Amino acid sequence: MIRSNNKYILVAVILLFFPIGFLVQAQIINLDASKLVPRVEIYLSPRSGSFVEGATFDVPIILNTKKININGIEVRINFDKDKLSIIKPSGGKSIIGIWIEPPKYDNARGTASYVGVVPDGITTDSGLIGTITFKALRPGSAAVSIGSNSSILLNDGLGTKAVIDLGRAEYDLLPKPPEGVNIFSETHPFQSNWYNNNNPVVSWEKNSGVDGFSYLLDDKPTTIPDNIINTKETLQSFENLGDGLWYFHIKASKKGAWGTAGHFLMRIDTVPPAVFKPEVDYLLAATILAERALISFSTTDNLSGVDFHEEGVIDKRQPTTVSPVFVRTESPFQVPLDSGSELRVIVRATDKAGNIRDVSMDVASPFIVTKFIKEYPFYILAFIIFIGLISLLIRYIISHHIIGNIRRFREQIKRESQVQGENKPPMA
C-alpha cells in the first residue's frame, strides 16, 4: 500500500513540473527564432554637422539592406520643427522606381515621408532613398530621425517586414554673425561655402572719420574685440589656420566712440573625404558576352560634407598615358564589360571644399565557372549531395548484392566439385 502511494506521488510531481519545463523550452525556442528576422538600416548622412542660422543644407537618406533583397520602402522622417524647416524633399535621384505617394513634408508637424517600391527588388549597402534640403531657422541643437512607423518589405512575394535599425542625426545650428563693419575676402568670398585654403586674407571698408580698428580672430561667432586700436589698415592675412569655422571680428573707432562689431565667417576644410572601399558585383545579361559590373560605394566627410561623386574608367590594355574621363555618378553605377575586359575603375569623391579622394579598383570579366558558382550555390550543393547519394547507393548494391551473389556462386561450384569427386569410382 505504501509503495502504491509513492507511485501516485511521483506521477503528481511529474505532472506538476512538466508544464513549467515545456513553457521554458517554448520560450527559449521563441527567443532563438527572433534572431532569424532580417535586419536593414536606414541612416542619415551626415549624422552630425554645424550650420549657420539661415543657411540651407542637404541630408541624404541612405538604405543599407545588409545583403537582403527588398522591394517596398516606407520611410517616415521626424525633425525639430522649431529649429529646422524643409525647403524641398527631393526624390529625383532615388532607388525607388515607382512612387506610391510623392515625397512630401509638413513643416508645421516636423515630418516628411518617402513611400514607393523598387521593381524587381534591390540589394544595396548605400542606396539613396531621397535628399532633404533643410534651412536652419534659429540657433541650437536640432535632431532629425527615422520614425518607428517606417517599414521595409522583403522581396519574397509575401510582403514580409524587415527589422529596421533607425538612424538619427543631430546638427548644431550656430548663430548668424551680426552686422557690423563691411567685411569681405578675396580668398574666402562666401561665408556659406567651404574652402581648402588655410591662408585667408580679410579686407574691410574704412568709412570717413574712422581713427582705427580693433580686430580678433577666433572660433566663436559673437566675440566682441576690446576697445584698443590695433590697426589702421584695411587688410589682414592669416597663415596655416586649422580646419573648422573661423570668425573674424572687427569694430571701428571714430573720435573715441566705438561702433558695433562686424563678424565674418570663414570655413576651412583641407582634409579629403574619408577612405572608402568600393565593392563590385557582376550582372549577367541575356547572353554571356554581354556583361555588366555593378560598383557600389559609400563615402562620408565629417566637416564640409561630400558634394558629389565621379567615375572614371581606364582600359588597362591601352597605353598607360591614357587618362580617364570623369563623369558624375551615384552609388551604385554600372560598368559594361566585354569578353576579356581588363578595366581600372576610379571612384572620385569631392567634398564641398574641393578636396578630392580617389579610390581605384581593377575589374575584369569573371570566369564562367566562377560566376556560375557565385550565382547558383544552391544548385551546386544539391548536385554534390545527389552525386554522394548515388555513390552510396551503388556501393551498397555492389557490396550487398553483386559481391554476395558472386561469393554464393563460387561456394556452390566448390560444393558441386566436391560431390562429383566423392561419387567418382576409384580407378583400378
Protein backbone atom coordinates (compact mmCIF):
# COMPACT_ATOMS: atom_id res chain seq x y z
CA MET A 1 0.00 0.00 0.00
CA ILE A 2 2.85 2.38 0.80
CA ARG A 3 4.56 1.59 -2.48
CA SER A 4 1.34 2.35 -4.35
CA ASN A 5 1.03 5.76 -2.68
CA ASN A 6 4.65 6.61 -3.54
CA LYS A 7 3.92 5.79 -7.13
CA TYR A 8 0.97 8.22 -7.17
CA ILE A 9 3.08 10.95 -5.55
CA LEU A 10 5.78 10.56 -8.23
CA VAL A 11 3.21 10.85 -11.02
CA ALA A 12 1.80 14.02 -9.44
CA VAL A 13 5.24 15.65 -9.19
CA ILE A 14 5.96 14.91 -12.85
CA LEU A 15 2.61 16.38 -13.93
CA LEU A 16 3.21 19.45 -11.77
CA PHE A 17 6.61 20.36 -13.24
CA PHE A 18 6.08 19.18 -16.83
CA PRO A 19 4.13 22.31 -17.99
CA ILE A 20 6.77 24.59 -16.47
CA GLY A 21 9.57 22.84 -18.33
CA PHE A 22 7.55 22.84 -21.52
CA LEU A 23 6.88 26.60 -21.25
CA VAL A 24 10.57 27.33 -20.57
CA GLN A 25 11.56 25.31 -23.61
CA ALA A 26 8.94 27.06 -25.74
CA GLN A 27 10.20 30.47 -24.56
CA ILE A 28 13.77 29.53 -25.49
CA ILE A 29 12.65 28.50 -28.96
CA ASN A 30 10.83 31.81 -29.47
CA LEU A 31 13.91 33.82 -28.44
CA ASP A 32 16.14 31.92 -30.84
CA ALA A 33 13.69 32.33 -33.73
CA SER A 34 13.64 36.13 -33.33
CA LYS A 35 17.29 36.28 -34.21
CA LEU A 36 16.46 34.98 -37.71
CA VAL A 37 14.38 38.06 -38.68
CA PRO A 38 16.22 40.01 -41.43
CA ARG A 39 17.55 43.46 -40.43
CA VAL A 40 18.17 46.53 -42.56
CA GLU A 41 19.47 50.00 -41.74
CA ILE A 42 18.24 53.47 -42.70
CA TYR A 43 20.59 56.30 -41.81
CA LEU A 44 21.12 60.00 -42.48
CA SER A 45 24.30 61.49 -43.92
CA PRO A 46 25.99 63.31 -42.37
CA ARG A 47 24.98 62.18 -38.90
CA SER A 48 26.28 65.43 -37.41
CA GLY A 49 27.44 68.86 -38.52
CA SER A 50 27.41 72.60 -37.83
CA PHE A 51 25.37 75.05 -39.87
CA VAL A 52 24.85 78.78 -39.53
CA GLU A 53 21.42 80.23 -38.82
CA GLY A 54 19.64 80.96 -42.10
CA ALA A 55 21.82 78.57 -44.12
CA THR A 56 20.48 75.58 -46.09
CA PHE A 57 22.00 72.10 -46.18
CA ASP A 58 21.20 68.72 -47.73
CA VAL A 59 20.65 65.48 -45.81
CA PRO A 60 20.60 62.29 -47.95
CA ILE A 61 18.59 59.30 -46.66
CA ILE A 62 20.56 56.10 -47.21
CA LEU A 63 19.39 52.46 -47.13
CA ASN A 64 21.67 49.52 -46.27
CA THR A 65 19.83 46.24 -46.92
CA LYS A 66 22.70 44.17 -45.43
CA LYS A 67 22.69 41.69 -48.35
CA ILE A 68 18.89 41.25 -48.18
CA ASN A 69 16.74 41.80 -51.28
CA ILE A 70 13.90 44.30 -50.66
CA ASN A 71 11.25 45.92 -52.84
CA GLY A 72 8.98 48.01 -50.60
CA ILE A 73 10.04 51.26 -48.88
CA GLU A 74 8.10 53.45 -46.47
CA VAL A 75 10.29 55.99 -44.67
CA ARG A 76 8.88 58.48 -42.18
CA ILE A 77 11.13 61.36 -41.08
CA ASN A 78 10.80 63.40 -37.91
CA PHE A 79 12.69 66.68 -37.38
CA ASP A 80 12.82 69.59 -34.94
CA LYS A 81 10.21 71.96 -36.40
CA ASP A 82 11.30 74.81 -34.12
CA LYS A 83 14.88 74.75 -35.38
CA LEU A 84 14.53 73.42 -38.94
CA SER A 85 12.25 73.76 -41.93
CA ILE A 86 12.27 71.77 -45.16
CA ILE A 87 12.82 73.69 -48.39
CA LYS A 88 12.19 70.63 -50.54
CA PRO A 89 12.26 66.83 -50.22
CA SER A 90 13.95 65.69 -53.42
CA GLY A 91 13.04 62.33 -54.93
CA GLY A 92 14.68 62.93 -58.30
CA LYS A 93 17.61 60.61 -57.63
CA SER A 94 16.30 57.58 -55.78
CA ILE A 95 16.38 53.79 -55.82
CA ILE A 96 12.57 53.96 -55.65
CA GLY A 97 11.25 53.24 -59.13
CA ILE A 98 7.51 53.65 -58.55
CA TRP A 99 6.17 56.19 -56.06
CA ILE A 100 3.10 55.11 -54.10
CA GLU A 101 2.86 58.71 -52.96
CA PRO A 102 5.15 61.60 -53.94
CA PRO A 103 7.75 62.79 -51.41
CA LYS A 104 6.00 65.21 -49.06
CA TYR A 105 6.66 67.19 -45.90
CA ASP A 106 4.86 69.14 -43.18
CA ASN A 107 6.90 71.89 -41.51
CA ALA A 108 4.12 72.55 -39.01
CA ARG A 109 4.38 69.00 -37.67
CA GLY A 110 8.05 68.40 -38.42
CA THR A 111 7.52 65.34 -40.66
CA ALA A 112 8.42 64.08 -44.12
CA SER A 113 7.79 60.82 -45.97
CA TYR A 114 9.04 58.69 -48.86
CA VAL A 115 6.81 55.78 -49.95
CA GLY A 116 7.36 53.61 -53.01
CA VAL A 117 8.52 50.31 -54.46
CA VAL A 118 11.60 49.06 -56.28
CA PRO A 119 10.56 46.89 -59.25
CA ASP A 120 12.40 43.52 -59.24
CA GLY A 121 13.86 44.42 -55.81
CA ILE A 122 17.34 45.63 -54.85
CA THR A 123 20.26 44.66 -52.63
CA THR A 124 22.49 47.60 -51.69
CA ASP A 125 24.61 48.95 -48.87
CA SER A 126 24.29 52.63 -49.86
CA GLY A 127 21.04 53.09 -51.76
CA LEU A 128 19.81 56.70 -51.97
CA ILE A 129 16.13 56.94 -51.00
CA GLY A 130 15.98 60.73 -51.29
CA THR A 131 17.58 64.01 -50.22
CA ILE A 132 16.01 66.60 -47.92
CA THR A 133 17.07 70.25 -48.09
CA PHE A 134 16.76 71.88 -44.65
CA LYS A 135 17.00 75.53 -43.61
CA ALA A 136 18.41 76.43 -40.19
CA LEU A 137 15.77 78.64 -38.50
CA ARG A 138 17.40 79.52 -35.20
CA PRO A 139 20.47 78.57 -33.13
CA GLY A 140 20.56 75.44 -31.02
CA SER A 141 20.74 71.68 -31.39
CA ALA A 142 18.33 70.12 -33.90
CA ALA A 143 17.60 66.41 -34.32
CA VAL A 144 16.46 64.53 -37.42
CA SER A 145 15.43 60.88 -37.06
CA ILE A 146 13.86 57.96 -38.89
CA GLY A 147 10.40 57.32 -37.44
CA SER A 148 9.46 54.00 -35.87
CA ASN A 149 6.45 53.85 -38.22
CA SER A 150 8.80 53.31 -41.17
CA SER A 151 8.82 49.90 -42.85
CA ILE A 152 10.91 47.95 -45.37
CA LEU A 153 9.37 44.96 -47.17
CA LEU A 154 11.37 41.95 -48.31
CA ASN A 155 11.24 40.88 -51.95
CA ASP A 156 9.86 37.45 -51.02
CA GLY A 157 6.38 37.66 -52.53
CA LEU A 158 4.84 37.76 -49.05
CA GLY A 159 5.44 41.38 -48.06
CA THR A 160 7.46 40.34 -45.03
CA LYS A 161 8.63 43.30 -42.93
CA ALA A 162 12.30 43.56 -42.05
CA VAL A 163 13.56 44.82 -38.71
CA ILE A 164 14.95 48.36 -39.18
CA ASP A 165 17.91 49.95 -37.43
CA LEU A 166 16.59 53.52 -37.28
CA GLY A 167 19.12 56.26 -37.95
CA ARG A 168 19.34 59.59 -36.15
CA ALA A 169 21.31 62.78 -36.76
CA GLU A 170 21.96 65.85 -34.64
CA TYR A 171 23.08 69.20 -36.03
CA ASP A 172 24.46 72.27 -34.28
CA LEU A 173 22.86 75.45 -35.60
CA LEU A 174 25.17 78.38 -34.99
CA PRO A 175 24.06 82.00 -34.57
CA LYS A 176 24.32 84.18 -37.66
CA PRO A 177 27.11 86.70 -37.32
CA PRO A 178 25.53 90.13 -36.63
CA GLU A 179 26.05 93.04 -38.99
CA GLY A 180 28.87 95.47 -38.35
CA VAL A 181 31.84 96.75 -40.37
CA ASN A 182 31.52 95.76 -44.03
CA ILE A 183 33.98 92.85 -44.31
CA PHE A 184 34.94 90.81 -47.40
CA SER A 185 37.60 88.35 -48.50
CA GLU A 186 39.01 87.54 -51.91
CA THR A 187 40.28 84.14 -50.73
CA HIS A 188 37.06 83.13 -48.91
CA PRO A 189 34.36 85.31 -50.54
CA PHE A 190 31.21 83.38 -49.48
CA GLN A 191 30.56 82.75 -45.80
CA SER A 192 28.28 79.78 -46.55
CA ASN A 193 30.93 77.98 -48.66
CA TRP A 194 33.83 75.77 -47.61
CA TYR A 195 37.40 76.34 -48.86
CA ASN A 196 40.56 74.23 -48.76
CA ASN A 197 42.78 77.33 -48.47
CA ASN A 198 44.01 77.72 -44.87
CA ASN A 199 45.78 81.06 -45.54
CA PRO A 200 42.88 83.51 -45.73
CA VAL A 201 43.14 87.23 -46.43
CA VAL A 202 40.45 89.51 -44.97
CA SER A 203 39.64 93.09 -46.04
CA TRP A 204 37.14 95.67 -44.87
CA GLU A 205 35.89 99.15 -45.69
CA LYS A 206 37.05 102.28 -43.86
CA ASN A 207 34.49 105.00 -43.59
CA SER A 208 35.32 108.67 -43.38
CA GLY A 209 36.47 109.85 -39.97
CA VAL A 210 37.48 106.43 -38.65
CA ASP A 211 40.61 106.55 -36.48
CA GLY A 212 41.40 102.83 -36.48
CA PHE A 213 40.12 99.33 -35.83
CA SER A 214 40.19 96.61 -33.21
CA TYR A 215 40.03 93.07 -34.61
CA LEU A 216 40.25 89.49 -33.37
CA LEU A 217 40.20 86.03 -34.96
CA ASP A 218 38.78 83.02 -33.08
CA ASP A 219 36.27 80.16 -33.36
CA LYS A 220 33.38 81.92 -31.60
CA PRO A 221 30.66 83.64 -33.62
CA THR A 222 29.84 86.60 -31.36
CA THR A 223 33.16 87.68 -29.81
CA ILE A 224 33.50 91.43 -29.34
CA PRO A 225 37.02 92.88 -29.73
CA ASP A 226 38.31 95.11 -26.94
CA ASN A 227 38.38 98.89 -27.17
CA ILE A 228 42.04 99.17 -28.17
CA ILE A 229 43.06 100.12 -31.72
CA ASN A 230 45.45 97.50 -33.14
CA THR A 231 45.43 98.54 -36.83
CA LYS A 232 44.65 101.44 -39.10
CA GLU A 233 44.90 99.34 -42.27
CA THR A 234 42.04 97.67 -44.16
CA LEU A 235 43.61 94.28 -44.82
CA GLN A 236 44.84 91.39 -42.67
CA SER A 237 46.23 87.97 -43.67
CA PHE A 238 46.49 84.75 -41.66
CA GLU A 239 48.56 81.61 -42.22
CA ASN A 240 48.19 77.89 -41.51
CA LEU A 241 44.82 78.01 -39.82
CA GLY A 242 43.34 74.70 -38.65
CA ASP A 243 40.27 73.10 -40.18
CA GLY A 244 36.90 74.29 -38.94
CA LEU A 245 34.97 77.53 -38.55
CA TRP A 246 36.91 80.76 -38.08
CA TYR A 247 35.32 84.10 -37.23
CA PHE A 248 36.96 87.45 -37.94
CA HIS A 249 35.63 90.17 -35.63
CA ILE A 250 36.26 93.90 -36.10
CA LYS A 251 34.89 97.22 -34.94
CA ALA A 252 35.82 100.79 -35.78
CA SER A 253 36.70 103.77 -33.60
CA LYS A 254 35.67 107.30 -34.58
CA LYS A 255 36.75 110.07 -32.29
CA GLY A 256 36.87 107.72 -29.34
CA ALA A 257 33.44 106.23 -29.96
CA TRP A 258 33.34 102.54 -30.83
CA GLY A 259 30.81 101.21 -33.28
CA THR A 260 29.14 97.81 -33.33
CA ALA A 261 31.28 94.83 -34.18
CA GLY A 262 31.22 93.17 -37.57
CA HIS A 263 31.75 89.41 -37.94
CA PHE A 264 32.92 87.40 -40.93
CA LEU A 265 32.83 83.60 -41.08
CA MET A 266 35.48 81.55 -42.91
CA ARG A 267 35.00 77.79 -43.37
CA ILE A 268 38.23 75.83 -43.86
CA ASP A 269 38.44 72.14 -44.73
CA THR A 270 41.74 70.77 -46.06
CA VAL A 271 41.03 67.06 -45.44
CA PRO A 272 39.56 64.94 -48.28
CA PRO A 273 36.58 62.61 -47.72
CA ALA A 274 37.15 59.52 -45.58
CA VAL A 275 38.85 56.46 -47.06
CA PHE A 276 36.31 54.08 -48.58
CA LYS A 277 36.34 50.77 -50.46
CA PRO A 278 34.08 50.22 -53.50
CA GLU A 279 32.57 46.77 -54.00
CA VAL A 280 31.94 45.05 -57.32
CA ASP A 281 29.24 42.58 -58.28
CA TYR A 282 28.65 41.04 -61.69
CA LEU A 283 25.33 41.07 -63.56
CA LEU A 284 24.59 38.59 -66.34
CA ALA A 285 22.59 39.86 -69.31
CA ALA A 286 20.73 37.81 -71.94
CA THR A 287 23.98 36.41 -73.36
CA ILE A 288 27.24 35.52 -71.72
CA LEU A 289 29.22 38.06 -73.75
CA ALA A 290 27.04 40.99 -72.63
CA GLU A 291 28.02 41.55 -69.00
CA ARG A 292 27.98 44.44 -66.57
CA ALA A 293 29.80 45.14 -63.35
CA LEU A 294 27.83 46.87 -60.58
CA ILE A 295 30.03 49.17 -58.48
CA SER A 296 28.73 50.16 -55.03
CA PHE A 297 30.35 52.56 -52.57
CA SER A 298 29.64 54.77 -49.59
CA THR A 299 31.62 57.85 -48.61
CA THR A 300 31.45 60.41 -45.82
CA ASP A 301 33.10 63.70 -44.95
CA ASN A 302 32.86 64.82 -41.35
CA LEU A 303 33.43 68.54 -41.91
CA SER A 304 32.15 70.11 -45.12
CA GLY A 305 30.29 67.01 -46.36
CA VAL A 306 30.54 65.13 -49.66
CA ASP A 307 29.48 67.29 -52.60
CA PHE A 308 29.45 64.80 -55.49
CA HIS A 309 30.97 61.61 -56.87
CA GLU A 310 32.56 60.89 -60.22
CA GLU A 311 33.62 57.73 -62.04
CA GLY A 312 36.46 57.21 -64.47
CA VAL A 313 37.26 54.03 -66.40
CA ILE A 314 40.63 53.07 -67.94
CA ASP A 315 41.12 50.12 -70.27
CA LYS A 316 44.34 48.54 -68.98
CA ARG A 317 45.07 47.21 -72.47
CA GLN A 318 45.58 50.78 -73.70
CA PRO A 319 48.80 52.78 -73.20
CA THR A 320 49.43 53.93 -69.62
CA THR A 321 49.45 57.57 -70.75
CA VAL A 322 45.70 57.50 -71.36
CA SER A 323 43.78 59.50 -68.74
CA PRO A 324 40.20 58.66 -67.76
CA VAL A 325 37.26 60.96 -68.43
CA PHE A 326 35.36 61.53 -65.19
CA VAL A 327 31.57 61.80 -65.20
CA ARG A 328 29.15 62.46 -62.33
CA THR A 329 27.69 59.32 -60.78
CA GLU A 330 25.83 57.90 -57.78
CA SER A 331 26.11 54.57 -55.98
CA PRO A 332 25.56 52.03 -57.39
CA PHE A 333 26.59 52.50 -61.02
CA GLN A 334 27.18 50.03 -63.86
CA VAL A 335 30.29 49.46 -65.96
CA PRO A 336 29.88 47.49 -69.24
CA LEU A 337 32.26 44.56 -69.73
CA ASP A 338 33.35 42.90 -72.97
CA SER A 339 34.82 39.42 -73.13
CA GLY A 340 38.39 39.64 -71.83
CA SER A 341 37.94 43.16 -70.45
CA GLU A 342 40.57 44.41 -68.02
CA LEU A 343 39.40 47.74 -66.61
CA ARG A 344 40.53 50.04 -63.85
CA VAL A 345 37.62 51.89 -62.30
CA ILE A 346 38.34 55.08 -60.34
CA VAL A 347 35.71 56.43 -57.94
CA ARG A 348 36.33 60.06 -57.05
CA ALA A 349 34.68 61.71 -54.04
CA THR A 350 34.80 65.52 -53.82
CA ASP A 351 33.76 67.37 -50.68
CA LYS A 352 32.23 70.84 -50.56
CA ALA A 353 35.63 72.43 -50.03
CA GLY A 354 37.00 70.92 -53.24
CA ASN A 355 39.14 68.22 -51.58
CA ILE A 356 39.33 65.00 -53.59
CA ARG A 357 39.64 61.35 -52.61
CA ASP A 358 40.34 58.86 -55.45
CA VAL A 359 39.91 55.12 -54.95
CA SER A 360 40.66 52.71 -57.79
CA MET A 361 39.91 49.04 -58.32
CA ASP A 362 40.55 46.54 -61.12
CA VAL A 363 37.51 44.99 -62.76
CA ALA A 364 37.81 42.05 -65.16
CA SER A 365 35.33 39.66 -66.77
CA PRO A 366 34.96 36.71 -64.37
CA PHE A 367 35.35 33.09 -65.46
CA ILE A 368 32.07 31.41 -66.36
CA VAL A 369 32.66 28.70 -63.73
CA THR A 370 33.34 31.33 -61.08
CA LYS A 371 30.20 33.24 -61.99
CA PHE A 372 28.13 30.06 -62.02
CA ILE A 373 29.37 29.12 -58.56
CA LYS A 374 28.62 32.60 -57.29
CA GLU A 375 25.18 32.86 -58.88
CA TYR A 376 23.92 29.30 -58.22
CA PRO A 377 25.48 27.96 -54.98
CA PHE A 378 22.25 26.13 -54.01
CA TYR A 379 22.12 24.10 -57.21
CA ILE A 380 25.79 23.18 -56.91
CA LEU A 381 25.28 22.00 -53.33
CA ALA A 382 22.23 19.98 -54.36
CA PHE A 383 24.20 18.35 -57.20
CA ILE A 384 27.03 17.39 -54.83
CA ILE A 385 24.56 15.82 -52.39
CA PHE A 386 22.86 13.95 -55.26
CA ILE A 387 26.18 12.52 -56.50
CA GLY A 388 27.05 11.48 -52.94
CA LEU A 389 23.75 9.64 -52.51
CA ILE A 390 24.17 7.86 -55.87
CA SER A 391 27.69 6.78 -54.86
CA LEU A 392 26.44 5.39 -51.55
CA LEU A 393 23.62 3.53 -53.34
CA ILE A 394 25.98 1.97 -55.89
CA ARG A 395 28.38 0.98 -53.16
CA TYR A 396 25.57 -0.62 -51.17
CA ILE A 397 24.30 -2.57 -54.19
CA ILE A 398 27.77 -3.78 -55.10
CA SER A 399 28.76 -4.73 -51.57
CA HIS A 400 25.48 -6.39 -50.51
CA HIS A 401 24.12 -7.94 -53.70
CA ILE A 402 26.59 -8.40 -56.54
CA ILE A 403 29.55 -9.38 -54.39
CA GLY A 404 27.30 -11.56 -52.22
CA ASN A 405 25.90 -13.36 -55.26
CA ILE A 406 29.40 -13.94 -56.62
CA ARG A 407 30.50 -15.44 -53.33
CA ARG A 408 27.46 -17.75 -53.16
CA PHE A 409 28.01 -18.81 -56.77
CA ARG A 410 31.66 -19.71 -56.10
CA GLU A 411 30.71 -21.68 -52.97
CA GLN A 412 28.07 -23.63 -54.92
CA ILE A 413 30.60 -24.54 -57.64
CA LYS A 414 33.04 -25.66 -54.96
CA ARG A 415 30.40 -27.90 -53.29
CA GLU A 416 29.41 -29.45 -56.63
CA SER A 417 33.05 -30.20 -57.39
CA GLN A 418 33.43 -31.93 -54.04
CA VAL A 419 30.28 -34.00 -54.61
CA GLN A 420 31.46 -35.09 -58.06
CA GLY A 421 34.83 -36.07 -56.59
CA GLU A 422 33.21 -38.24 -53.95
CA ASN A 423 30.92 -40.02 -56.45
CA LYS A 424 33.66 -40.74 -58.97
CA PRO A 425 34.58 -44.53 -58.95
CA PRO A 426 38.09 -45.36 -57.96
CA MET A 427 40.49 -46.31 -60.69
CA ALA A 428 41.62 -49.95 -60.98
